[in-house]
Every structure is written in C-alpha cells, then in structure tokens.
Amino acid sequence: MSEKVGVTSAEPLAIKPWGQFEAALIKHADKQDWDKLVKVNDLMMKALRQAGAPKNQSQKKARQSLADTHDKVLKKLIHSKQTLEMEMQQFASKQDGLAAYQLTQSSGAIDDR
C-alpha cells in the first residue's frame, strides 16, 4: 500500500505564475522600464482572464498579493508621471526666463555702452 505524502495536487503550479508576475512588476517598476511593465501588465491581465475565478483559498491569497503589488506599482507609476510633469514645467519656465534674458541682453547690448 502506498501512501501519498505532501502536496499531491497541481496547487503550486496554479499559484506560481502570480508570484512570477509580482516579481516582474516590481523589477520593471524599480528599473522604470515602462515598456516592459506594460507588456507584463498585458500578459498578467490575459492570464487572469484565462484562469477565471480562484478555485481555493491559496489561489485567492496569491491573487490578492498580486493585486496589492499591482496597486503599489500603479501608485509608483503615477508618482513618477507627476514628478516628470513637474520637472518638465520647471524646465519650460526656465527656458522662457532664459529666452527673455537673452532677448534683453541682445537688445540692450548696444544701448548699455
């Protein structure tokens, strides 16, 4: 008589992809590789649709962890976008100021002698 010991189902296989998606989301967000992050997000969404609803508690926990990670990455992306927009506005204002200064320098150079 043989007795089965340990995990006998495909349960770890059903959870593994979600951990891989989490790792990829974190990796690409930390590197600020937005193109790869979009690709991972698209693949993740496709995999979630294909998998359907979680079938047990461990799958549900794995997906909740993925959702939490996705939320953190999304917040980081939004923060990075806002920071970039602010830097671009500051750059544009400096350019406007520089252009005005150069204009006054060139127009006043003859008069100031």
PDB file of N, CA and C in Angstrom:
ATOM      1  N   MET A   1       0.823  -1.157   0.000  1.00  0.00           N
ATOM      2  CA  MET A   1       0.000   0.000   0.000  1.00  0.00           C
ATOM      3  C   MET A   1       0.885   1.245   0.000  1.00  0.00           C
ATOM      4  N   SER A   2       0.678   2.110  -0.963  1.00  0.00           N
ATOM      5  CA  SER A   2       1.460   3.341  -0.984  1.00  0.00           C
ATOM      6  C   SER A   2       0.619   4.485  -0.453  1.00  0.00           C
ATOM      7  N   GLU A   3       1.288   5.329   0.280  1.00  0.00           N
ATOM      8  CA  GLU A   3       0.593   6.460   0.877  1.00  0.00           C
ATOM      9  C   GLU A   3       1.171   7.750   0.287  1.00  0.00           C
ATOM     10  N   LYS A   4       0.301   8.641  -0.163  1.00  0.00           N
ATOM     11  CA  LYS A   4       0.749   9.902  -0.745  1.00  0.00           C
ATOM     12  C   LYS A   4       1.140  10.860   0.375  1.00  0.00           C
ATOM     13  N   VAL A   5       2.294  11.480   0.209  1.00  0.00           N
ATOM     14  CA  VAL A   5       2.802  12.393   1.220  1.00  0.00           C
ATOM     15  C   VAL A   5       3.026  13.758   0.578  1.00  0.00           C
ATOM     16  N   GLY A   6       2.712  14.833   1.305  1.00  0.00           N
ATOM     17  CA  GLY A   6       2.959  16.179   0.802  1.00  0.00           C
ATOM     18  C   GLY A   6       1.885  16.633  -0.157  1.00  0.00           C
ATOM     19  N   VAL A   7       2.240  17.640  -0.922  1.00  0.00           N
ATOM     20  CA  VAL A   7       1.301  18.215  -1.876  1.00  0.00           C
ATOM     21  C   VAL A   7       1.162  17.262  -3.046  1.00  0.00           C
ATOM     22  N   THR A   8      -0.058  16.877  -3.319  1.00  0.00           N
ATOM     23  CA  THR A   8      -0.288  15.916  -4.396  1.00  0.00           C
ATOM     24  C   THR A   8      -1.035  16.530  -5.562  1.00  0.00           C
ATOM     25  N   SER A   9      -1.442  17.746  -5.408  1.00  0.00           N
ATOM     26  CA  SER A   9      -2.207  18.383  -6.487  1.00  0.00           C
ATOM     27  C   SER A   9      -1.306  19.294  -7.307  1.00  0.00           C
ATOM     28  N   ALA A  10      -1.899  19.918  -8.259  1.00  0.00           N
ATOM     29  CA  ALA A  10      -1.177  20.885  -9.085  1.00  0.00           C
ATOM     30  C   ALA A  10      -1.242  22.275  -8.458  1.00  0.00           C
ATOM     31  N   GLU A  11      -1.557  22.340  -7.174  1.00  0.00           N
ATOM     32  CA  GLU A  11      -1.740  23.613  -6.480  1.00  0.00           C
ATOM     33  C   GLU A  11      -0.546  24.558  -6.626  1.00  0.00           C
ATOM     34  N   PRO A  12       0.692  24.118  -6.379  1.00  0.00           N
ATOM     35  CA  PRO A  12       1.808  25.061  -6.538  1.00  0.00           C
ATOM     36  C   PRO A  12       1.900  25.600  -7.964  1.00  0.00           C
ATOM     37  N   LEU A  13       1.549  24.794  -8.934  1.00  0.00           N
ATOM     38  CA  LEU A  13       1.582  25.248 -10.316  1.00  0.00           C
ATOM     39  C   LEU A  13       0.528  26.310 -10.581  1.00  0.00           C
ATOM     40  N   ALA A  14      -0.576  26.232  -9.857  1.00  0.00           N
ATOM     41  CA  ALA A  14      -1.655  27.198 -10.041  1.00  0.00           C
ATOM     42  C   ALA A  14      -1.329  28.537  -9.384  1.00  0.00           C
ATOM     43  N   ILE A  15      -0.387  28.559  -8.450  1.00  0.00           N
ATOM     44  CA  ILE A  15      -0.033  29.782  -7.728  1.00  0.00           C
ATOM     45  C   ILE A  15       1.230  30.418  -8.297  1.00  0.00           C
ATOM     46  N   LYS A  16       2.134  29.625  -8.815  1.00  0.00           N
ATOM     47  CA  LYS A  16       3.439  30.090  -9.269  1.00  0.00           C
ATOM     48  C   LYS A  16       3.398  31.272 -10.246  1.00  0.00           C
ATOM     49  N   PRO A  17       2.533  31.240 -11.264  1.00  0.00           N
ATOM     50  CA  PRO A  17       2.541  32.365 -12.215  1.00  0.00           C
ATOM     51  C   PRO A  17       2.261  33.718 -11.564  1.00  0.00           C
ATOM     52  N   TRP A  18       1.433  33.747 -10.532  1.00  0.00           N
ATOM     53  CA  TRP A  18       1.078  35.021  -9.902  1.00  0.00           C
ATOM     54  C   TRP A  18       2.295  35.605  -9.190  1.00  0.00           C
ATOM     55  N   GLY A  19       3.101  34.754  -8.589  1.00  0.00           N
ATOM     56  CA  GLY A  19       4.338  35.213  -7.963  1.00  0.00           C
ATOM     57  C   GLY A  19       5.335  35.716  -8.996  1.00  0.00           C
ATOM     58  N   GLN A  20       5.364  35.054 -10.139  1.00  0.00           N
ATOM     59  CA  GLN A  20       6.258  35.494 -11.209  1.00  0.00           C
ATOM     60  C   GLN A  20       5.816  36.854 -11.757  1.00  0.00           C
ATOM     61  N   PHE A  21       4.524  37.045 -11.890  1.00  0.00           N
ATOM     62  CA  PHE A  21       4.023  38.352 -12.341  1.00  0.00           C
ATOM     63  C   PHE A  21       4.367  39.436 -11.316  1.00  0.00           C
ATOM     64  N   GLU A  22       4.222  39.114 -10.034  1.00  0.00           N
ATOM     65  CA  GLU A  22       4.571  40.086  -8.990  1.00  0.00           C
ATOM     66  C   GLU A  22       6.033  40.497  -9.097  1.00  0.00           C
ATOM     67  N   ALA A  23       6.900  39.503  -9.221  1.00  0.00           N
ATOM     68  CA  ALA A  23       8.341  39.779  -9.312  1.00  0.00           C
ATOM     69  C   ALA A  23       8.655  40.636 -10.540  1.00  0.00           C
ATOM     70  N   ALA A  24       8.023  40.332 -11.663  1.00  0.00           N
ATOM     71  CA  ALA A  24       8.267  41.094 -12.891  1.00  0.00           C
ATOM     72  C   ALA A  24       7.746  42.523 -12.760  1.00  0.00           C
ATOM     73  N   LEU A  25       6.595  42.700 -12.151  1.00  0.00           N
ATOM     74  CA  LEU A  25       6.055  44.047 -11.950  1.00  0.00           C
ATOM     75  C   LEU A  25       7.009  44.887 -11.106  1.00  0.00           C
ATOM     76  N   ILE A  26       7.484  44.308 -10.014  1.00  0.00           N
ATOM     77  CA  ILE A  26       8.390  45.019  -9.113  1.00  0.00           C
ATOM     78  C   ILE A  26       9.707  45.343  -9.828  1.00  0.00           C
ATOM     79  N   LYS A  27      10.249  44.351 -10.520  1.00  0.00           N
ATOM     80  CA  LYS A  27      11.536  44.524 -11.209  1.00  0.00           C
ATOM     81  C   LYS A  27      11.478  45.670 -12.222  1.00  0.00           C
ATOM     82  N   HIS A  28      10.475  45.651 -13.073  1.00  0.00           N
ATOM     83  CA  HIS A  28      10.391  46.659 -14.134  1.00  0.00           C
ATOM     84  C   HIS A  28       9.990  48.030 -13.589  1.00  0.00           C
ATOM     85  N   ALA A  29       9.202  48.062 -12.525  1.00  0.00           N
ATOM     86  CA  ALA A  29       8.853  49.345 -11.904  1.00  0.00           C
ATOM     87  C   ALA A  29      10.092  49.958 -11.248  1.00  0.00           C
ATOM     88  N   ASP A  30      10.890  49.134 -10.566  1.00  0.00           N
ATOM     89  CA  ASP A  30      12.102  49.642  -9.929  1.00  0.00           C
ATOM     90  C   ASP A  30      13.097  50.168 -10.958  1.00  0.00           C
ATOM     91  N   LYS A  31      13.157  49.515 -12.105  1.00  0.00           N
ATOM     92  CA  LYS A  31      14.055  49.957 -13.175  1.00  0.00           C
ATOM     93  C   LYS A  31      13.448  51.091 -14.000  1.00  0.00           C
ATOM     94  N   GLN A  32      12.197  51.389 -13.746  1.00  0.00           N
ATOM     95  CA  GLN A  32      11.422  52.377 -14.502  1.00  0.00           C
ATOM     96  C   GLN A  32      11.424  52.037 -15.995  1.00  0.00           C
ATOM     97  N   ASP A  33      11.312  50.763 -16.276  1.00  0.00           N
ATOM     98  CA  ASP A  33      11.222  50.280 -17.657  1.00  0.00           C
ATOM     99  C   ASP A  33       9.736  50.144 -17.983  1.00  0.00           C
ATOM    100  N   TRP A  34       9.148  51.269 -18.370  1.00  0.00           N
ATOM    101  CA  TRP A  34       7.699  51.341 -18.525  1.00  0.00           C
ATOM    102  C   TRP A  34       7.202  50.469 -19.681  1.00  0.00           C
ATOM    103  N   ASP A  35       7.984  50.332 -20.747  1.00  0.00           N
ATOM    104  CA  ASP A  35       7.558  49.494 -21.873  1.00  0.00           C
ATOM    105  C   ASP A  35       7.415  48.031 -21.444  1.00  0.00           C
ATOM    106  N   LYS A  36       8.388  47.526 -20.703  1.00  0.00           N
ATOM    107  CA  LYS A  36       8.310  46.142 -20.230  1.00  0.00           C
ATOM    108  C   LYS A  36       7.208  45.987 -19.192  1.00  0.00           C
ATOM    109  N   LEU A  37       7.022  47.021 -18.391  1.00  0.00           N
ATOM    110  CA  LEU A  37       5.962  46.971 -17.385  1.00  0.00           C
ATOM    111  C   LEU A  37       4.594  46.851 -18.055  1.00  0.00           C
ATOM    112  N   VAL A  38       4.390  47.570 -19.145  1.00  0.00           N
ATOM    113  CA  VAL A  38       3.129  47.479 -19.892  1.00  0.00           C
ATOM    114  C   VAL A  38       2.948  46.062 -20.449  1.00  0.00           C
ATOM    115  N   LYS A  39       4.019  45.479 -20.972  1.00  0.00           N
ATOM    116  CA  LYS A  39       3.934  44.121 -21.520  1.00  0.00           C
ATOM    117  C   LYS A  39       3.581  43.111 -20.433  1.00  0.00           C
ATOM    118  N   VAL A  40       4.230  43.239 -19.266  1.00  0.00           N
ATOM    119  CA  VAL A  40       3.927  42.327 -18.145  1.00  0.00           C
ATOM    120  C   VAL A  40       2.476  42.500 -17.727  1.00  0.00           C
ATOM    121  N   ASN A  41       2.019  43.742 -17.650  1.00  0.00           N
ATOM    122  CA  ASN A  41       0.635  44.006 -17.265  1.00  0.00           C
ATOM    123  C   ASN A  41      -0.339  43.360 -18.249  1.00  0.00           C
ATOM    124  N   ASP A  42      -0.058  43.501 -19.546  1.00  0.00           N
ATOM    125  CA  ASP A  42      -0.933  42.895 -20.558  1.00  0.00           C
ATOM    126  C   ASP A  42      -0.965  41.373 -20.435  1.00  0.00           C
ATOM    127  N   LEU A  43       0.205  40.766 -20.255  1.00  0.00           N
ATOM    128  CA  LEU A  43       0.270  39.304 -20.093  1.00  0.00           C
ATOM    129  C   LEU A  43      -0.453  38.863 -18.826  1.00  0.00           C
ATOM    130  N   MET A  44      -0.291  39.631 -17.757  1.00  0.00           N
ATOM    131  CA  MET A  44      -0.937  39.312 -16.487  1.00  0.00           C
ATOM    132  C   MET A  44      -2.458  39.359 -16.633  1.00  0.00           C
ATOM    133  N   MET A  45      -2.955  40.401 -17.290  1.00  0.00           N
ATOM    134  CA  MET A  45      -4.402  40.521 -17.471  1.00  0.00           C
ATOM    135  C   MET A  45      -4.948  39.354 -18.298  1.00  0.00           C
ATOM    136  N   LYS A  46      -4.213  38.984 -19.330  1.00  0.00           N
ATOM    137  CA  LYS A  46      -4.627  37.857 -20.170  1.00  0.00           C
ATOM    138  C   LYS A  46      -4.651  36.563 -19.349  1.00  0.00           C
ATOM    139  N   ALA A  47      -3.616  36.343 -18.547  1.00  0.00           N
ATOM    140  CA  ALA A  47      -3.542  35.138 -17.717  1.00  0.00           C
ATOM    141  C   ALA A  47      -4.670  35.103 -16.686  1.00  0.00           C
ATOM    142  N   LEU A  48      -4.979  36.243 -16.104  1.00  0.00           N
ATOM    143  CA  LEU A  48      -6.064  36.298 -15.122  1.00  0.00           C
ATOM    144  C   LEU A  48      -7.412  35.975 -15.768  1.00  0.00           C
ATOM    145  N   ARG A  49      -7.630  36.500 -16.970  1.00  0.00           N
ATOM    146  CA  ARG A  49      -8.887  36.202 -17.668  1.00  0.00           C
ATOM    147  C   ARG A  49      -8.983  34.711 -18.003  1.00  0.00           C
ATOM    148  N   GLN A  50      -7.872  34.137 -18.466  1.00  0.00           N
ATOM    149  CA  GLN A  50      -7.874  32.724 -18.839  1.00  0.00           C
ATOM    150  C   GLN A  50      -8.065  31.821 -17.620  1.00  0.00           C
ATOM    151  N   ALA A  51      -7.496  32.216 -16.491  1.00  0.00           N
ATOM    152  CA  ALA A  51      -7.570  31.379 -15.287  1.00  0.00           C
ATOM    153  C   ALA A  51      -8.961  31.392 -14.661  1.00  0.00           C
ATOM    154  N   GLY A  52      -9.687  32.456 -14.884  1.00  0.00           N
ATOM    155  CA  GLY A  52     -11.010  32.541 -14.273  1.00  0.00           C
ATOM    156  C   GLY A  52     -10.907  32.815 -12.778  1.00  0.00           C
ATOM    157  N   ALA A  53     -11.973  32.541 -12.081  1.00  0.00           N
ATOM    158  CA  ALA A  53     -12.025  32.813 -10.645  1.00  0.00           C
ATOM    159  C   ALA A  53     -11.114  31.852  -9.882  1.00  0.00           C
ATOM    160  N   PRO A  54     -10.544  32.313  -8.748  1.00  0.00           N
ATOM    161  CA  PRO A  54      -9.727  31.410  -7.940  1.00  0.00           C
ATOM    162  C   PRO A  54     -10.572  30.245  -7.424  1.00  0.00           C
ATOM    163  N   LYS A  55      -9.949  29.076  -7.399  1.00  0.00           N
ATOM    164  CA  LYS A  55     -10.693  27.867  -7.031  1.00  0.00           C
ATOM    165  C   LYS A  55     -10.571  27.493  -5.565  1.00  0.00           C
ATOM    166  N   ASN A  56      -9.634  28.098  -4.863  1.00  0.00           N
ATOM    167  CA  ASN A  56      -9.482  27.806  -3.439  1.00  0.00           C
ATOM    168  C   ASN A  56      -8.827  28.987  -2.725  1.00  0.00           C
ATOM    169  N   GLN A  57      -8.650  28.836  -1.435  1.00  0.00           N
ATOM    170  CA  GLN A  57      -8.140  29.933  -0.610  1.00  0.00           C
ATOM    171  C   GLN A  57      -6.700  30.305  -0.956  1.00  0.00           C
ATOM    172  N   SER A  58      -5.844  29.350  -1.249  1.00  0.00           N
ATOM    173  CA  SER A  58      -4.446  29.677  -1.557  1.00  0.00           C
ATOM    174  C   SER A  58      -4.337  30.436  -2.874  1.00  0.00           C
ATOM    175  N   GLN A  59      -5.154  30.089  -3.849  1.00  0.00           N
ATOM    176  CA  GLN A  59      -5.164  30.845  -5.106  1.00  0.00           C
ATOM    177  C   GLN A  59      -5.680  32.264  -4.868  1.00  0.00           C
ATOM    178  N   LYS A  60      -6.689  32.361  -4.016  1.00  0.00           N
ATOM    179  CA  LYS A  60      -7.252  33.668  -3.696  1.00  0.00           C
ATOM    180  C   LYS A  60      -6.202  34.552  -3.015  1.00  0.00           C
ATOM    181  N   LYS A  61      -5.429  33.986  -2.083  1.00  0.00           N
ATOM    182  CA  LYS A  61      -4.378  34.745  -1.397  1.00  0.00           C
ATOM    183  C   LYS A  61      -3.289  35.175  -2.382  1.00  0.00           C
ATOM    184  N   ALA A  62      -2.909  34.283  -3.278  1.00  0.00           N
ATOM    185  CA  ALA A  62      -1.875  34.603  -4.264  1.00  0.00           C
ATOM    186  C   ALA A  62      -2.335  35.746  -5.163  1.00  0.00           C
ATOM    187  N   ARG A  63      -3.581  35.706  -5.561  1.00  0.00           N
ATOM    188  CA  ARG A  63      -4.102  36.770  -6.423  1.00  0.00           C
ATOM    189  C   ARG A  63      -4.263  38.081  -5.671  1.00  0.00           C
ATOM    190  N   GLN A  64      -4.600  37.999  -4.392  1.00  0.00           N
ATOM    191  CA  GLN A  64      -4.715  39.223  -3.590  1.00  0.00           C
ATOM    192  C   GLN A  64      -3.344  39.868  -3.442  1.00  0.00           C
ATOM    193  N   SER A  65      -2.335  39.047  -3.239  1.00  0.00           N
ATOM    194  CA  SER A  65      -0.969  39.557  -3.149  1.00  0.00           C
ATOM    195  C   SER A  65      -0.565  40.226  -4.466  1.00  0.00           C
ATOM    196  N   LEU A  66      -0.923  39.597  -5.574  1.00  0.00           N
ATOM    197  CA  LEU A  66      -0.645  40.180  -6.895  1.00  0.00           C
ATOM    198  C   LEU A  66      -1.380  41.508  -7.062  1.00  0.00           C
ATOM    199  N   ALA A  67      -2.626  41.554  -6.629  1.00  0.00           N
ATOM    200  CA  ALA A  67      -3.411  42.792  -6.731  1.00  0.00           C
ATOM    201  C   ALA A  67      -2.783  43.906  -5.892  1.00  0.00           C
ATOM    202  N   ASP A  68      -2.309  43.553  -4.696  1.00  0.00           N
ATOM    203  CA  ASP A  68      -1.653  44.551  -3.836  1.00  0.00           C
ATOM    204  C   ASP A  68      -0.384  45.079  -4.487  1.00  0.00           C
ATOM    205  N   THR A  69       0.407  44.173  -5.055  1.00  0.00           N
ATOM    206  CA  THR A  69       1.638  44.577  -5.733  1.00  0.00           C
ATOM    207  C   THR A  69       1.319  45.455  -6.938  1.00  0.00           C
ATOM    208  N   HIS A  70       0.308  45.062  -7.699  1.00  0.00           N
ATOM    209  CA  HIS A  70      -0.103  45.830  -8.872  1.00  0.00           C
ATOM    210  C   HIS A  70      -0.507  47.247  -8.452  1.00  0.00           C
ATOM    211  N   ASP A  71      -1.238  47.356  -7.354  1.00  0.00           N
ATOM    212  CA  ASP A  71      -1.671  48.655  -6.846  1.00  0.00           C
ATOM    213  C   ASP A  71      -0.461  49.517  -6.467  1.00  0.00           C
ATOM    214  N   LYS A  72       0.523  48.926  -5.787  1.00  0.00           N
ATOM    215  CA  LYS A  72       1.728  49.670  -5.402  1.00  0.00           C
ATOM    216  C   LYS A  72       2.497  50.143  -6.633  1.00  0.00           C
ATOM    217  N   VAL A  73       2.622  49.276  -7.619  1.00  0.00           N
ATOM    218  CA  VAL A  73       3.339  49.634  -8.844  1.00  0.00           C
ATOM    219  C   VAL A  73       2.596  50.749  -9.576  1.00  0.00           C
ATOM    220  N   LEU A  74       1.284  50.675  -9.621  1.00  0.00           N
ATOM    221  CA  LEU A  74       0.485  51.709 -10.272  1.00  0.00           C
ATOM    222  C   LEU A  74       0.672  53.056  -9.567  1.00  0.00           C
ATOM    223  N   LYS A  75       0.680  53.044  -8.239  1.00  0.00           N
ATOM    224  CA  LYS A  75       0.901  54.284  -7.486  1.00  0.00           C
ATOM    225  C   LYS A  75       2.284  54.844  -7.766  1.00  0.00           C
ATOM    226  N   LYS A  76       3.283  53.962  -7.863  1.00  0.00           N
ATOM    227  CA  LYS A  76       4.642  54.406  -8.173  1.00  0.00           C
ATOM    228  C   LYS A  76       4.692  55.027  -9.578  1.00  0.00           C
ATOM    229  N   LEU A  77       4.001  54.411 -10.509  1.00  0.00           N
ATOM    230  CA  LEU A  77       3.951  54.923 -11.878  1.00  0.00           C
ATOM    231  C   LEU A  77       3.299  56.307 -11.913  1.00  0.00           C
ATOM    232  N   ILE A  78       2.205  56.477 -11.210  1.00  0.00           N
ATOM    233  CA  ILE A  78       1.509  57.765 -11.158  1.00  0.00           C
ATOM    234  C   ILE A  78       2.409  58.821 -10.520  1.00  0.00           C
ATOM    235  N   HIS A  79       3.102  58.455  -9.459  1.00  0.00           N
ATOM    236  CA  HIS A  79       4.020  59.388  -8.797  1.00  0.00           C
ATOM    237  C   HIS A  79       5.153  59.795  -9.740  1.00  0.00           C
ATOM    238  N   SER A  80       5.709  58.836 -10.458  1.00  0.00           N
ATOM    239  CA  SER A  80       6.788  59.127 -11.410  1.00  0.00           C
ATOM    240  C   SER A  80       6.297  60.053 -12.518  1.00  0.00           C
ATOM    241  N   LYS A  81       5.074  59.820 -12.977  1.00  0.00           N
ATOM    242  CA  LYS A  81       4.495  60.667 -14.022  1.00  0.00           C
ATOM    243  C   LYS A  81       4.317  62.093 -13.520  1.00  0.00           C
ATOM    244  N   GLN A  82       3.809  62.239 -12.302  1.00  0.00           N
ATOM    245  CA  GLN A  82       3.602  63.570 -11.738  1.00  0.00           C
ATOM    246  C   GLN A  82       4.931  64.295 -11.531  1.00  0.00           C
ATOM    247  N   THR A  83       5.943  63.564 -11.083  1.00  0.00           N
ATOM    248  CA  THR A  83       7.264  64.151 -10.892  1.00  0.00           C
ATOM    249  C   THR A  83       7.837  64.621 -12.222  1.00  0.00           C
ATOM    250  N   LEU A  84       7.712  63.805 -13.240  1.00  0.00           N
ATOM    251  CA  LEU A  84       8.206  64.169 -14.563  1.00  0.00           C
ATOM    252  C   LEU A  84       7.474  65.392 -15.109  1.00  0.00           C
ATOM    253  N   GLU A  85       6.163  65.439 -14.937  1.00  0.00           N
ATOM    254  CA  GLU A  85       5.392  66.599 -15.399  1.00  0.00           C
ATOM    255  C   GLU A  85       5.856  67.878 -14.703  1.00  0.00           C
ATOM    256  N   MET A  86       6.118  67.776 -13.394  1.00  0.00           N
ATOM    257  CA  MET A  86       6.570  68.939 -12.644  1.00  0.00           C
ATOM    258  C   MET A  86       7.961  69.378 -13.134  1.00  0.00           C
ATOM    259  N   GLU A  87       8.855  68.428 -13.366  1.00  0.00           N
ATOM    260  CA  GLU A  87      10.189  68.761 -13.865  1.00  0.00           C
ATOM    261  C   GLU A  87      10.116  69.404 -15.249  1.00  0.00           C
ATOM    262  N   MET A  88       9.208  68.921 -16.083  1.00  0.00           N
ATOM    263  CA  MET A  88       9.054  69.496 -17.413  1.00  0.00           C
ATOM    264  C   MET A  88       8.519  70.928 -17.338  1.00  0.00           C
ATOM    265  N   GLN A  89       7.597  71.179 -16.420  1.00  0.00           N
ATOM    266  CA  GLN A  89       7.066  72.533 -16.244  1.00  0.00           C
ATOM    267  C   GLN A  89       8.163  73.482 -15.756  1.00  0.00           C
ATOM    268  N   GLN A  90       8.993  72.993 -14.820  1.00  0.00           N
ATOM    269  CA  GLN A  90      10.091  73.818 -14.319  1.00  0.00           C
ATOM    270  C   GLN A  90      11.086  74.112 -15.437  1.00  0.00           C
ATOM    271  N   PHE A  91      11.367  73.128 -16.252  1.00  0.00           N
ATOM    272  CA  PHE A  91      12.284  73.307 -17.370  1.00  0.00           C
ATOM    273  C   PHE A  91      11.725  74.337 -18.355  1.00  0.00           C
ATOM    274  N   ALA A  92      10.441  74.201 -18.654  1.00  0.00           N
ATOM    275  CA  ALA A  92       9.809  75.148 -19.598  1.00  0.00           C
ATOM    276  C   ALA A  92       9.864  76.565 -19.055  1.00  0.00           C
ATOM    277  N   SER A  93       9.621  76.745 -17.738  1.00  0.00           N
ATOM    278  CA  SER A  93       9.694  78.084 -17.176  1.00  0.00           C
ATOM    279  C   SER A  93      11.102  78.641 -17.216  1.00  0.00           C
ATOM    280  N   LYS A  94      12.078  77.802 -16.976  1.00  0.00           N
ATOM    281  CA  LYS A  94      13.470  78.258 -17.052  1.00  0.00           C
ATOM    282  C   LYS A  94      13.821  78.641 -18.479  1.00  0.00           C
ATOM    283  N   GLN A  95      13.317  77.898 -19.437  1.00  0.00           N
ATOM    284  CA  GLN A  95      13.583  78.210 -20.843  1.00  0.00           C
ATOM    285  C   GLN A  95      12.968  79.557 -21.215  1.00  0.00           C
ATOM    286  N   ASP A  96      11.749  79.792 -20.739  1.00  0.00           N
ATOM    287  CA  ASP A  96      11.087  81.079 -21.006  1.00  0.00           C
ATOM    288  C   ASP A  96      11.883  82.226 -20.387  1.00  0.00           C
ATOM    289  N   GLY A  97      12.342  82.030 -19.160  1.00  0.00           N
ATOM    290  CA  GLY A  97      13.136  83.054 -18.489  1.00  0.00           C
ATOM    291  C   GLY A  97      14.461  83.286 -19.187  1.00  0.00           C
ATOM    292  N   LEU A  98      15.102  82.240 -19.618  1.00  0.00           N
ATOM    293  CA  LEU A  98      16.371  82.343 -20.326  1.00  0.00           C
ATOM    294  C   LEU A  98      16.191  83.078 -21.652  1.00  0.00           C
ATOM    295  N   ALA A  99      15.129  82.748 -22.355  1.00  0.00           N
ATOM    296  CA  ALA A  99      14.857  83.409 -23.635  1.00  0.00           C
ATOM    297  C   ALA A  99      14.625  84.901 -23.426  1.00  0.00           C
ATOM    298  N   ALA A 100      13.884  85.255 -22.383  1.00  0.00           N
ATOM    299  CA  ALA A 100      13.626  86.665 -22.095  1.00  0.00           C
ATOM    300  C   ALA A 100      14.926  87.373 -21.723  1.00  0.00           C
ATOM    301  N   TYR A 101      15.750  86.735 -20.916  1.00  0.00           N
ATOM    302  CA  TYR A 101      17.034  87.318 -20.528  1.00  0.00           C
ATOM    303  C   TYR A 101      17.926  87.533 -21.752  1.00  0.00           C
ATOM    304  N   GLN A 102      17.996  86.533 -22.615  1.00  0.00           N
ATOM    305  CA  GLN A 102      18.821  86.654 -23.812  1.00  0.00           C
ATOM    306  C   GLN A 102      18.312  87.769 -24.725  1.00  0.00           C
ATOM    307  N   LEU A 103      17.001  87.901 -24.804  1.00  0.00           N
ATOM    308  CA  LEU A 103      16.417  88.969 -25.617  1.00  0.00           C
ATOM    309  C   LEU A 103      16.789  90.338 -25.062  1.00  0.00           C
ATOM    310  N   THR A 104      16.706  90.503 -23.742  1.00  0.00           N
ATOM    311  CA  THR A 104      17.065  91.798 -23.154  1.00  0.00           C
ATOM    312  C   THR A 104      18.560  92.048 -23.266  1.00  0.00           C
ATOM    313  N   GLN A 105      19.363  91.030 -23.177  1.00  0.00           N
ATOM    314  CA  GLN A 105      20.809  91.181 -23.323  1.00  0.00           C
ATOM    315  C   GLN A 105      21.156  91.633 -24.743  1.00  0.00           C
ATOM    316  N   SER A 106      20.551  90.967 -25.723  1.00  0.00           N
ATOM    317  CA  SER A 106      20.884  91.304 -27.111  1.00  0.00           C
ATOM    318  C   SER A 106      20.324  92.664 -27.509  1.00  0.00           C
ATOM    319  N   SER A 107      19.155  93.027 -27.005  1.00  0.00           N
ATOM    320  CA  SER A 107      18.574  94.318 -27.380  1.00  0.00           C
ATOM    321  C   SER A 107      19.203  95.456 -26.582  1.00  0.00           C
ATOM    322  N   GLY A 108      19.683  95.200 -25.401  1.00  0.00           N
ATOM    323  CA  GLY A 108      20.272  96.250 -24.573  1.00  0.00           C
ATOM    324  C   GLY A 108      21.762  96.344 -24.715  1.00  0.00           C
ATOM    325  N   ALA A 109      22.396  95.454 -25.424  1.00  0.00           N
ATOM    326  CA  ALA A 109      23.858  95.466 -25.523  1.00  0.00           C
ATOM    327  C   ALA A 109      24.371  96.719 -26.171  1.00  0.00           C
ATOM    328  N   ILE A 110      23.713  97.233 -27.187  1.00  0.00           N
ATOM    329  CA  ILE A 110      24.158  98.428 -27.890  1.00  0.00           C
ATOM    330  C   ILE A 110      23.892  99.666 -27.030  1.00  0.00           C
ATOM    331  N   ASP A 111      22.746  99.705 -26.337  1.00  0.00           N
ATOM    332  CA  ASP A 111      22.360 100.863 -25.550  1.00  0.00           C
ATOM    333  C   ASP A 111      23.181 101.008 -24.266  1.00  0.00           C
ATOM    334  N   ASP A 112      23.709  99.919 -23.746  1.00  0.00           N
ATOM    335  CA  ASP A 112      24.422  99.960 -22.474  1.00  0.00           C
ATOM    336  C   ASP A 112      25.841 100.438 -22.577  1.00  0.00           C
ATOM    337  N   ARG A 113      26.367 100.717 -23.751  1.00  0.00           N
ATOM    338  CA  ARG A 113      27.779 101.125 -23.898  1.00  0.00           C
ATOM    339  C   ARG A 113      28.007 102.526 -23.520  1.00  0.00           C
TER     340      ARG A 113
END
